[in-house]
Amino acid sequence: MVLPILKYGNPLLRAKGLEVGEVDDRTRKLAEDMLDTMRAANGVGLAAQQVGVPLQLAVIDVIGVEDRPSEMIVDGTTLEVGAFMPLILLNPRLELSEQEEEGVEGCLSFPEISGEIVRASKVKVTAKKLDGTSVEFEARGLLSRALQHEVDHLHGILFIDRMNSAMRTSLAGKLKRLQRVTRA
């Protein structure tokens, strides 16, 4: 089922997600609905906060994005990313590389708004999967960026918080309009 995506200005987007304990049918249904919602909106990631649920649950699928490649590394071996998509991650934790890179980001909660964001070029991820097992891998490229973006959401951090002041200033009018529409 496709769920409504909260827009900037909704206070739930700033909520810090609670850790997911035991996975039950509600958690599995939420993850399935989040995947449907993300795909319907042509996104590559979605956090539970964006559908109004303050949980540490994110979904990601970078398949089909040809102009922004992704790498997934497990135990030092680069694997075919497509074999692992979509990702459904519970309670994800990231270790960020010191090397950074700038790239364009958008967000489903900020329609028609994007900006240059500096992020770590590589991340190491540890998380739980829906079946309760743990997963650990490293990511580069779009997958790394998407993971950082979604994990930020799980902690109430929005991509505009990562923009430099000049970028935020240039978007101020659009952001205020979006907030007004959201609160109306």
Protein backbone atom coordinates (compact mmCIF):
# COMPACT_ATOMS: atom_id res chain seq x y z
CA MET A 1 0.00 0.00 0.00
CA VAL A 2 1.30 3.46 -0.90
CA LEU A 3 1.44 5.70 2.18
CA PRO A 4 1.38 9.51 2.26
CA ILE A 5 4.87 11.03 2.49
CA LEU A 6 5.21 13.78 5.08
CA LYS A 7 6.47 17.09 3.73
CA TYR A 8 8.89 19.57 5.26
CA GLY A 9 7.23 21.45 8.07
CA ASN A 10 5.67 18.35 9.64
CA PRO A 11 7.26 17.95 13.11
CA LEU A 12 7.40 14.14 12.80
CA LEU A 13 10.25 14.56 10.31
CA ARG A 14 12.36 15.81 13.23
CA ALA A 15 11.47 12.85 15.48
CA LYS A 16 14.29 10.54 16.52
CA GLY A 17 13.36 6.97 15.71
CA LEU A 18 12.92 4.36 18.41
CA GLU A 19 14.98 1.22 18.01
CA VAL A 20 13.14 -1.70 16.47
CA GLY A 21 13.04 -4.59 18.93
CA GLU A 22 11.35 -7.80 17.94
CA VAL A 23 10.15 -7.80 14.33
CA ASP A 24 6.44 -8.51 14.08
CA ASP A 25 3.83 -8.50 11.31
CA ARG A 26 3.28 -4.75 11.72
CA THR A 27 6.98 -4.06 11.15
CA ARG A 28 7.05 -6.31 8.08
CA LYS A 29 3.90 -4.64 6.69
CA LEU A 30 5.36 -1.17 7.31
CA ALA A 31 8.55 -2.13 5.45
CA GLU A 32 6.52 -3.50 2.52
CA ASP A 33 4.37 -0.35 2.40
CA MET A 34 7.47 1.84 2.57
CA LEU A 35 8.96 0.04 -0.44
CA ASP A 36 5.69 0.53 -2.37
CA THR A 37 5.65 4.21 -1.37
CA MET A 38 9.30 4.81 -2.31
CA ARG A 39 8.85 3.16 -5.70
CA ALA A 40 5.60 5.02 -6.44
CA ALA A 41 7.44 8.30 -5.73
CA ASN A 42 10.47 7.27 -7.85
CA GLY A 43 12.78 7.51 -4.84
CA VAL A 44 15.89 5.54 -3.91
CA GLY A 45 15.32 5.64 -0.16
CA LEU A 46 12.68 6.23 2.49
CA ALA A 47 12.82 6.43 6.28
CA ALA A 48 9.95 5.51 8.58
CA GLN A 49 9.75 9.12 9.81
CA GLN A 50 8.77 10.18 6.28
CA VAL A 51 5.58 8.13 6.57
CA GLY A 52 4.88 9.32 10.12
CA VAL A 53 6.36 6.41 12.09
CA PRO A 54 9.28 7.31 14.39
CA LEU A 55 11.18 4.01 14.11
CA GLN A 56 14.73 3.14 13.09
CA LEU A 57 13.61 1.55 9.82
CA ALA A 58 14.79 2.55 6.34
CA VAL A 59 14.38 1.11 2.87
CA ILE A 60 16.78 1.70 -0.03
CA ASP A 61 16.87 0.58 -3.66
CA VAL A 62 19.46 2.13 -5.98
CA ILE A 63 18.79 -0.21 -8.93
CA GLY A 64 18.09 1.60 -12.16
CA VAL A 65 20.14 4.72 -11.38
CA GLU A 66 22.65 4.43 -14.19
CA ASP A 67 24.28 7.87 -13.96
CA ARG A 68 25.26 7.46 -10.28
CA PRO A 69 26.89 4.07 -9.70
CA SER A 70 26.96 2.27 -6.37
CA GLU A 71 29.39 -0.19 -4.81
CA MET A 72 28.74 -2.72 -2.08
CA ILE A 73 31.74 -4.35 -0.40
CA VAL A 74 31.49 -7.37 1.91
CA ASP A 75 34.63 -8.76 3.55
CA GLY A 76 36.80 -6.81 1.10
CA THR A 77 35.00 -8.12 -2.01
CA THR A 78 32.95 -5.85 -4.27
CA LEU A 79 29.60 -7.52 -4.96
CA GLU A 80 26.82 -6.95 -7.49
CA VAL A 81 24.63 -4.34 -5.78
CA GLY A 82 21.48 -5.50 -7.58
CA ALA A 83 21.59 -8.86 -5.82
CA PHE A 84 20.99 -7.10 -2.48
CA MET A 85 18.27 -4.64 -3.44
CA PRO A 86 15.98 -3.59 -1.98
CA LEU A 87 17.64 -3.10 1.39
CA ILE A 88 15.41 -3.07 4.46
CA LEU A 89 17.51 -1.96 7.41
CA LEU A 90 16.57 -1.90 11.09
CA ASN A 91 18.58 0.10 13.63
CA PRO A 92 21.36 0.93 11.14
CA ARG A 93 24.65 2.33 12.38
CA LEU A 94 27.21 3.98 10.12
CA GLU A 95 30.97 4.43 10.32
CA LEU A 96 31.91 7.28 7.99
CA SER A 97 35.16 7.51 6.05
CA GLU A 98 37.21 10.67 6.50
CA GLN A 99 37.28 11.27 2.75
CA GLU A 100 34.33 13.37 1.62
CA GLU A 101 32.67 14.25 -1.66
CA GLU A 102 30.02 16.71 -2.74
CA GLY A 103 26.93 15.57 -4.62
CA VAL A 104 23.39 16.60 -5.47
CA GLU A 105 20.65 15.30 -3.19
CA GLY A 106 16.92 15.56 -3.19
CA CYS A 107 14.36 14.23 -0.74
CA LEU A 108 10.83 12.91 -1.14
CA SER A 109 9.79 15.15 1.77
CA PHE A 110 11.07 18.21 -0.16
CA PRO A 111 9.41 18.05 -3.59
CA GLU A 112 11.30 19.91 -6.32
CA ILE A 113 14.10 20.95 -3.95
CA SER A 114 17.65 19.70 -4.25
CA GLY A 115 21.09 20.88 -3.30
CA GLU A 116 24.78 20.06 -3.09
CA ILE A 117 25.61 18.14 0.07
CA VAL A 118 29.03 17.05 1.35
CA ARG A 119 28.99 13.47 2.61
CA ALA A 120 31.53 10.78 3.44
CA SER A 121 32.57 9.01 0.25
CA LYS A 122 32.39 5.58 1.91
CA VAL A 123 30.42 4.13 4.82
CA LYS A 124 30.49 0.94 6.82
CA VAL A 125 27.00 -0.22 7.79
CA THR A 126 25.81 -2.54 10.52
CA ALA A 127 22.10 -3.22 10.83
CA LYS A 128 19.46 -5.85 11.44
CA LYS A 129 17.36 -7.33 8.68
CA LEU A 130 13.67 -8.21 8.91
CA ASP A 131 14.54 -11.85 9.59
CA GLY A 132 16.47 -10.75 12.70
CA THR A 133 19.93 -11.50 11.32
CA SER A 134 22.68 -8.91 11.26
CA VAL A 135 24.18 -7.45 8.13
CA GLU A 136 27.47 -5.62 7.73
CA PHE A 137 28.88 -4.11 4.55
CA GLU A 138 30.65 -1.09 3.10
CA ALA A 139 29.19 1.19 0.44
CA ARG A 140 30.41 3.80 -2.02
CA GLY A 141 28.72 6.01 -4.58
CA LEU A 142 24.97 6.57 -4.57
CA LEU A 143 24.39 3.74 -2.10
CA SER A 144 26.72 5.42 0.42
CA ARG A 145 24.95 8.76 -0.06
CA ALA A 146 21.47 7.19 0.24
CA LEU A 147 22.45 5.34 3.43
CA GLN A 148 23.74 8.54 5.03
CA HIS A 149 20.63 10.48 3.97
CA GLU A 150 18.19 7.86 5.34
CA VAL A 151 20.09 7.27 8.58
CA ASP A 152 20.05 11.04 9.13
CA HIS A 153 16.23 10.91 8.82
CA LEU A 154 16.14 8.19 11.50
CA HIS A 155 17.77 10.69 13.86
CA GLY A 156 15.59 13.67 12.91
CA ILE A 157 18.25 15.26 10.69
CA LEU A 158 17.13 16.60 7.32
CA PHE A 159 19.29 17.05 4.24
CA ILE A 160 18.85 20.83 4.42
CA ASP A 161 20.67 20.67 7.77
CA ARG A 162 23.74 19.44 5.86
CA MET A 163 23.66 22.25 3.27
CA ASN A 164 26.08 25.12 3.47
CA SER A 165 24.59 28.46 4.49
CA ALA A 166 24.70 29.93 0.96
CA MET A 167 22.71 26.98 -0.44
CA ARG A 168 20.18 27.16 2.41
CA THR A 169 19.80 30.92 1.90
CA SER A 170 19.17 30.44 -1.84
CA LEU A 171 16.40 27.94 -1.02
CA ALA A 172 14.83 29.93 1.84
CA GLY A 173 11.82 31.11 -0.17
CA LYS A 174 10.99 27.62 -1.46
CA LEU A 175 11.38 26.14 2.01
CA LYS A 176 9.06 28.73 3.59
CA ARG A 177 6.42 28.10 0.92
CA LEU A 178 6.65 24.34 1.48
CA GLN A 179 6.27 24.81 5.24
CA ARG A 180 3.21 27.05 4.74
CA VAL A 181 1.54 24.49 2.45
CA THR A 182 2.36 21.65 4.86
CA ARG A 183 0.93 23.46 7.87
CA ALA A 184 -2.19 24.66 6.04
